Amino acid sequence: MERQEGPRRTALIVVDMINTYDHQDAELLVPSVERVVPVVAELIARAREADVPVIYANDNFGRWRSHHGELVEAALARPRADLIEPIRPDEESLFVMKARHSVFYETPLAYLLWSLGVGHVVLAGQVTEQCILYSALDAHIRHLEVTVPRDAVASIHPHLASAALEMMERNMGARIVTTKETGFTRADDR
């Protein structure tokens, strides 16, 4: 894969949305996910339309041999397939398997972003007060610009999610916006 030259691009990173929802705290998380799935689906569609890389960064749920296709199939076979189908990866989507909270921890994501010429990431998905927060911090320390559409992230505990969004904005310089305020262009000249 050749590194893109010129203005630094934007990538949409969809965090932990391929999910079976049969884990601890799922009953607290699902109502928030139900609200954000249509918004995340809209972001994905707009990114694809603008030819912006869409990267799914997902827990492997202990399936260390899993290919991302296996995770998608397992999630679609569960009772909450309705939360997966609208945001399902297409053939152009990129996928990074993660084992911990940050999308960067022990994954090839930093290299992938560099090779694509990405200097700005839009984080969407779950969980605001956990994986989104830690991923935003790791993006920030890698000198990436970060945008988090507040209506495209799901939480378990809304009060902690509000605090996490404030921390991302104040401590990491993240742009906290709405999905409507999130623009995608092929080469970002910001």
C-alpha atoms as a PDB file:
ATOM      1  CA  MET A   1       0.000   0.000   0.000  1.00  0.00           C
ATOM      2  CA  GLU A   2       1.474   3.326  -1.031  1.00  0.00           C
ATOM      3  CA  ARG A   3       1.403   6.322   1.254  1.00  0.00           C
ATOM      4  CA  GLN A   4      -0.855   9.098  -0.024  1.00  0.00           C
ATOM      5  CA  GLU A   5       0.981  12.374  -0.571  1.00  0.00           C
ATOM      6  CA  GLY A   6      -0.426  15.880  -0.360  1.00  0.00           C
ATOM      7  CA  PRO A   7      -3.001  17.084   2.137  1.00  0.00           C
ATOM      8  CA  ARG A   8      -3.604  14.734   5.015  1.00  0.00           C
ATOM      9  CA  ARG A   9      -6.748  12.676   4.615  1.00  0.00           C
ATOM     10  CA  THR A  10      -9.582  11.907   6.969  1.00  0.00           C
ATOM     11  CA  ALA A  11     -10.610   8.378   7.962  1.00  0.00           C
ATOM     12  CA  LEU A  12     -13.759   7.235   9.725  1.00  0.00           C
ATOM     13  CA  ILE A  13     -13.053   4.704  12.464  1.00  0.00           C
ATOM     14  CA  VAL A  14     -16.081   2.669  13.547  1.00  0.00           C
ATOM     15  CA  VAL A  15     -15.314   1.311  17.007  1.00  0.00           C
ATOM     16  CA  ASP A  16     -16.760  -1.953  18.369  1.00  0.00           C
ATOM     17  CA  MET A  17     -20.049  -1.803  16.495  1.00  0.00           C
ATOM     18  CA  ILE A  18     -19.808  -5.409  15.286  1.00  0.00           C
ATOM     19  CA  ASN A  19     -21.135  -6.878  18.494  1.00  0.00           C
ATOM     20  CA  THR A  20     -23.202  -9.816  19.726  1.00  0.00           C
ATOM     21  CA  TYR A  21     -24.576  -7.838  22.688  1.00  0.00           C
ATOM     22  CA  ASP A  22     -24.404 -10.836  24.980  1.00  0.00           C
ATOM     23  CA  HIS A  23     -21.811  -9.364  27.334  1.00  0.00           C
ATOM     24  CA  GLN A  24     -21.834  -7.677  30.728  1.00  0.00           C
ATOM     25  CA  ASP A  25     -23.473  -4.221  30.593  1.00  0.00           C
ATOM     26  CA  ALA A  26     -25.159  -4.997  27.250  1.00  0.00           C
ATOM     27  CA  GLU A  27     -28.584  -4.229  28.709  1.00  0.00           C
ATOM     28  CA  LEU A  28     -27.333  -0.748  29.658  1.00  0.00           C
ATOM     29  CA  LEU A  29     -25.579  -0.233  26.327  1.00  0.00           C
ATOM     30  CA  VAL A  30     -28.226  -1.400  23.854  1.00  0.00           C
ATOM     31  CA  PRO A  31     -30.662   1.538  24.258  1.00  0.00           C
ATOM     32  CA  SER A  32     -27.839   3.958  23.454  1.00  0.00           C
ATOM     33  CA  VAL A  33     -26.693   1.817  20.511  1.00  0.00           C
ATOM     34  CA  GLU A  34     -30.235   1.759  19.140  1.00  0.00           C
ATOM     35  CA  ARG A  35     -30.133   5.570  19.009  1.00  0.00           C
ATOM     36  CA  VAL A  36     -26.714   5.805  17.332  1.00  0.00           C
ATOM     37  CA  VAL A  37     -26.940   3.023  14.730  1.00  0.00           C
ATOM     38  CA  PRO A  38     -28.854   5.161  12.179  1.00  0.00           C
ATOM     39  CA  VAL A  39     -26.426   8.035  12.765  1.00  0.00           C
ATOM     40  CA  VAL A  40     -23.365   5.812  12.367  1.00  0.00           C
ATOM     41  CA  ALA A  41     -24.937   4.313   9.233  1.00  0.00           C
ATOM     42  CA  GLU A  42     -25.313   7.854   7.852  1.00  0.00           C
ATOM     43  CA  LEU A  43     -21.662   8.660   8.653  1.00  0.00           C
ATOM     44  CA  ILE A  44     -20.503   5.461   6.965  1.00  0.00           C
ATOM     45  CA  ALA A  45     -22.575   6.223   3.856  1.00  0.00           C
ATOM     46  CA  ARG A  46     -21.262   9.790   3.653  1.00  0.00           C
ATOM     47  CA  ALA A  47     -17.655   8.622   4.133  1.00  0.00           C
ATOM     48  CA  ARG A  48     -18.040   5.988   1.416  1.00  0.00           C
ATOM     49  CA  GLU A  49     -19.587   8.545  -0.922  1.00  0.00           C
ATOM     50  CA  ALA A  50     -16.609  10.865  -0.373  1.00  0.00           C
ATOM     51  CA  ASP A  51     -14.143   7.975  -0.844  1.00  0.00           C
ATOM     52  CA  VAL A  52     -12.965   8.392   2.747  1.00  0.00           C
ATOM     53  CA  PRO A  53     -11.494   5.213   4.252  1.00  0.00           C
ATOM     54  CA  VAL A  54     -13.908   3.439   6.614  1.00  0.00           C
ATOM     55  CA  ILE A  55     -11.999   1.394   9.167  1.00  0.00           C
ATOM     56  CA  TYR A  56     -13.780  -0.933  11.559  1.00  0.00           C
ATOM     57  CA  ALA A  57     -11.807  -1.440  14.769  1.00  0.00           C
ATOM     58  CA  ASN A  58     -13.397  -4.196  16.739  1.00  0.00           C
ATOM     59  CA  ASP A  59     -12.853  -6.425  19.736  1.00  0.00           C
ATOM     60  CA  ASN A  60     -12.272 -10.020  18.804  1.00  0.00           C
ATOM     61  CA  PHE A  61     -14.360 -11.289  21.758  1.00  0.00           C
ATOM     62  CA  GLY A  62     -11.669 -13.828  22.609  1.00  0.00           C
ATOM     63  CA  ARG A  63     -11.778 -15.389  19.123  1.00  0.00           C
ATOM     64  CA  TRP A  64      -8.060 -15.099  18.514  1.00  0.00           C
ATOM     65  CA  ARG A  65      -8.293 -17.088  15.306  1.00  0.00           C
ATOM     66  CA  SER A  66     -11.168 -15.045  13.968  1.00  0.00           C
ATOM     67  CA  HIS A  67     -11.269 -13.296  10.680  1.00  0.00           C
ATOM     68  CA  HIS A  68     -13.438 -10.178  10.710  1.00  0.00           C
ATOM     69  CA  GLY A  69     -15.964 -11.987   8.531  1.00  0.00           C
ATOM     70  CA  GLU A  70     -16.482 -14.529  11.311  1.00  0.00           C
ATOM     71  CA  LEU A  71     -17.232 -11.729  13.762  1.00  0.00           C
ATOM     72  CA  VAL A  72     -19.743 -10.150  11.391  1.00  0.00           C
ATOM     73  CA  GLU A  73     -21.428 -13.510  10.807  1.00  0.00           C
ATOM     74  CA  ALA A  74     -21.577 -14.242  14.552  1.00  0.00           C
ATOM     75  CA  ALA A  75     -23.104 -10.831  15.279  1.00  0.00           C
ATOM     76  CA  LEU A  76     -25.645 -11.194  12.471  1.00  0.00           C
ATOM     77  CA  ALA A  77     -26.668 -14.620  13.836  1.00  0.00           C
ATOM     78  CA  ARG A  78     -27.586 -13.139  17.236  1.00  0.00           C
ATOM     79  CA  PRO A  79     -30.895 -11.599  18.297  1.00  0.00           C
ATOM     80  CA  ARG A  80     -29.597  -8.018  17.797  1.00  0.00           C
ATOM     81  CA  ALA A  81     -28.660  -8.413  14.141  1.00  0.00           C
ATOM     82  CA  ASP A  82     -30.829  -5.337  13.562  1.00  0.00           C
ATOM     83  CA  LEU A  83     -28.027  -3.294  15.152  1.00  0.00           C
ATOM     84  CA  ILE A  84     -25.412  -4.781  12.804  1.00  0.00           C
ATOM     85  CA  GLU A  85     -27.068  -4.861   9.404  1.00  0.00           C
ATOM     86  CA  PRO A  86     -27.275  -1.048   8.870  1.00  0.00           C
ATOM     87  CA  ILE A  87     -23.561  -0.571   9.641  1.00  0.00           C
ATOM     88  CA  ARG A  88     -22.249  -3.757   8.078  1.00  0.00           C
ATOM     89  CA  PRO A  89     -18.791  -3.535   6.471  1.00  0.00           C
ATOM     90  CA  ASP A  90     -18.706  -3.572   2.686  1.00  0.00           C
ATOM     91  CA  GLU A  91     -15.941  -4.980   0.481  1.00  0.00           C
ATOM     92  CA  GLU A  92     -14.007  -1.687   0.538  1.00  0.00           C
ATOM     93  CA  SER A  93     -14.044  -1.413   4.338  1.00  0.00           C
ATOM     94  CA  LEU A  94     -10.833  -1.947   6.244  1.00  0.00           C
ATOM     95  CA  PHE A  95     -10.777  -3.902   9.508  1.00  0.00           C
ATOM     96  CA  VAL A  96      -8.463  -3.870  12.519  1.00  0.00           C
ATOM     97  CA  MET A  97      -8.861  -6.427  15.287  1.00  0.00           C
ATOM     98  CA  LYS A  98      -8.256  -5.100  18.788  1.00  0.00           C
ATOM     99  CA  ALA A  99      -8.023  -6.786  22.142  1.00  0.00           C
ATOM    100  CA  ARG A 100      -8.123  -3.825  24.528  1.00  0.00           C
ATOM    101  CA  HIS A 101      -9.908  -0.494  24.837  1.00  0.00           C
ATOM    102  CA  SER A 102      -7.849   1.626  22.443  1.00  0.00           C
ATOM    103  CA  VAL A 103      -8.051   1.015  18.705  1.00  0.00           C
ATOM    104  CA  PHE A 104      -4.288   1.652  18.628  1.00  0.00           C
ATOM    105  CA  TYR A 105      -3.139  -0.690  21.399  1.00  0.00           C
ATOM    106  CA  GLU A 106      -1.091  -3.492  19.815  1.00  0.00           C
ATOM    107  CA  THR A 107      -2.852  -3.080  16.438  1.00  0.00           C
ATOM    108  CA  PRO A 108      -1.485  -2.030  13.028  1.00  0.00           C
ATOM    109  CA  LEU A 109      -3.836   0.989  12.928  1.00  0.00           C
ATOM    110  CA  ALA A 110      -1.148   3.676  13.273  1.00  0.00           C
ATOM    111  CA  TYR A 111       0.754   2.214  10.325  1.00  0.00           C
ATOM    112  CA  LEU A 112      -2.434   1.809   8.294  1.00  0.00           C
ATOM    113  CA  LEU A 113      -3.373   5.458   8.868  1.00  0.00           C
ATOM    114  CA  TRP A 114       0.146   6.594   7.976  1.00  0.00           C
ATOM    115  CA  SER A 115       0.143   4.515   4.786  1.00  0.00           C
ATOM    116  CA  LEU A 116      -3.186   6.057   3.763  1.00  0.00           C
ATOM    117  CA  GLY A 117      -1.916   9.574   4.459  1.00  0.00           C
ATOM    118  CA  VAL A 118      -4.466  10.082   7.232  1.00  0.00           C
ATOM    119  CA  GLY A 119      -3.929  12.963   9.640  1.00  0.00           C
ATOM    120  CA  HIS A 120      -7.498  13.296  10.919  1.00  0.00           C
ATOM    121  CA  VAL A 121      -9.736  10.598  12.389  1.00  0.00           C
ATOM    122  CA  VAL A 122     -13.452  10.667  13.045  1.00  0.00           C
ATOM    123  CA  LEU A 123     -14.340   8.275  15.859  1.00  0.00           C
ATOM    124  CA  ALA A 124     -17.825   6.758  16.007  1.00  0.00           C
ATOM    125  CA  GLY A 125     -19.209   3.743  17.833  1.00  0.00           C
ATOM    126  CA  GLN A 126     -18.994   2.482  21.371  1.00  0.00           C
ATOM    127  CA  VAL A 127     -18.367   2.942  24.279  1.00  0.00           C
ATOM    128  CA  THR A 128     -17.904   6.710  24.672  1.00  0.00           C
ATOM    129  CA  GLU A 129     -16.513   6.547  28.201  1.00  0.00           C
ATOM    130  CA  GLN A 130     -14.213   3.635  27.426  1.00  0.00           C
ATOM    131  CA  CYS A 131     -12.972   2.735  23.936  1.00  0.00           C
ATOM    132  CA  ILE A 132     -13.786   6.078  22.292  1.00  0.00           C
ATOM    133  CA  LEU A 133     -12.061   8.017  25.092  1.00  0.00           C
ATOM    134  CA  TYR A 134      -8.928   5.851  25.107  1.00  0.00           C
ATOM    135  CA  SER A 135      -8.760   5.793  21.311  1.00  0.00           C
ATOM    136  CA  ALA A 136      -9.058   9.583  21.171  1.00  0.00           C
ATOM    137  CA  LEU A 137      -6.185   9.901  23.637  1.00  0.00           C
ATOM    138  CA  ASP A 138      -4.008   7.504  21.653  1.00  0.00           C
ATOM    139  CA  ALA A 139      -4.832   9.360  18.420  1.00  0.00           C
ATOM    140  CA  HIS A 140      -3.946  12.666  20.096  1.00  0.00           C
ATOM    141  CA  ILE A 141      -0.554  11.434  21.306  1.00  0.00           C
ATOM    142  CA  ARG A 142       0.134  10.280  17.739  1.00  0.00           C
ATOM    143  CA  HIS A 143      -0.463  13.863  16.534  1.00  0.00           C
ATOM    144  CA  LEU A 144      -3.684  13.016  14.721  1.00  0.00           C
ATOM    145  CA  GLU A 145      -6.574  15.449  14.646  1.00  0.00           C
ATOM    146  CA  VAL A 146      -9.647  13.934  16.284  1.00  0.00           C
ATOM    147  CA  THR A 147     -13.336  14.552  15.702  1.00  0.00           C
ATOM    148  CA  VAL A 148     -16.063  12.825  17.718  1.00  0.00           C
ATOM    149  CA  PRO A 149     -19.658  13.322  16.607  1.00  0.00           C
ATOM    150  CA  ARG A 150     -21.457  13.221  19.967  1.00  0.00           C
ATOM    151  CA  ASP A 151     -24.593  11.763  18.391  1.00  0.00           C
ATOM    152  CA  ALA A 152     -22.618   8.880  16.817  1.00  0.00           C
ATOM    153  CA  VAL A 153     -21.177   7.402  20.008  1.00  0.00           C
ATOM    154  CA  ALA A 154     -23.005   5.088  22.398  1.00  0.00           C
ATOM    155  CA  SER A 155     -22.519   4.884  26.138  1.00  0.00           C
ATOM    156  CA  ILE A 156     -23.250   2.669  29.104  1.00  0.00           C
ATOM    157  CA  HIS A 157     -23.292   5.508  31.634  1.00  0.00           C
ATOM    158  CA  PRO A 158     -24.466   8.850  30.149  1.00  0.00           C
ATOM    159  CA  HIS A 159     -22.905  10.960  32.915  1.00  0.00           C
ATOM    160  CA  LEU A 160     -19.505   9.357  32.305  1.00  0.00           C
ATOM    161  CA  ALA A 161     -19.961   9.786  28.555  1.00  0.00           C
ATOM    162  CA  SER A 162     -20.540  13.522  29.031  1.00  0.00           C
ATOM    163  CA  ALA A 163     -17.403  13.754  31.141  1.00  0.00           C
ATOM    164  CA  ALA A 164     -15.441  11.749  28.551  1.00  0.00           C
ATOM    165  CA  LEU A 165     -16.536  14.065  25.720  1.00  0.00           C
ATOM    166  CA  GLU A 166     -15.517  17.081  27.794  1.00  0.00           C
ATOM    167  CA  MET A 167     -12.124  15.495  28.529  1.00  0.00           C
ATOM    168  CA  MET A 168     -11.559  14.750  24.831  1.00  0.00           C
ATOM    169  CA  GLU A 169     -12.354  18.347  23.933  1.00  0.00           C
ATOM    170  CA  ARG A 170     -10.400  20.046  26.732  1.00  0.00           C
ATOM    171  CA  ASN A 171      -7.437  17.731  27.192  1.00  0.00           C
ATOM    172  CA  MET A 172      -6.949  16.400  23.661  1.00  0.00           C
ATOM    173  CA  GLY A 173      -8.218  19.228  21.495  1.00  0.00           C
ATOM    174  CA  ALA A 174     -10.792  16.932  19.908  1.00  0.00           C
ATOM    175  CA  ARG A 175     -13.585  18.530  17.934  1.00  0.00           C
ATOM    176  CA  ILE A 176     -16.850  17.446  19.560  1.00  0.00           C
ATOM    177  CA  VAL A 177     -19.562  18.061  16.991  1.00  0.00           C
ATOM    178  CA  THR A 178     -22.765  16.580  15.643  1.00  0.00           C
ATOM    179  CA  THR A 179     -22.891  14.242  12.685  1.00  0.00           C
ATOM    180  CA  LYS A 180     -24.357  17.031  10.559  1.00  0.00           C
ATOM    181  CA  GLU A 181     -21.269  19.140  11.357  1.00  0.00           C
ATOM    182  CA  THR A 182     -18.926  16.313  10.329  1.00  0.00           C
ATOM    183  CA  GLY A 183     -17.758  16.836   6.787  1.00  0.00           C
ATOM    184  CA  PHE A 184     -15.851  14.370   4.673  1.00  0.00           C
ATOM    185  CA  THR A 185     -13.577  15.235   1.791  1.00  0.00           C
ATOM    186  CA  ARG A 186     -11.187  12.936  -0.016  1.00  0.00           C
ATOM    187  CA  ALA A 187      -8.123  14.982   0.866  1.00  0.00           C
ATOM    188  CA  ASP A 188      -8.574  17.099   3.921  1.00  0.00           C
ATOM    189  CA  ASP A 189      -6.896  20.495   3.637  1.00  0.00           C
ATOM    190  CA  ARG A 190      -7.696  21.714   7.138  1.00  0.00           C
END
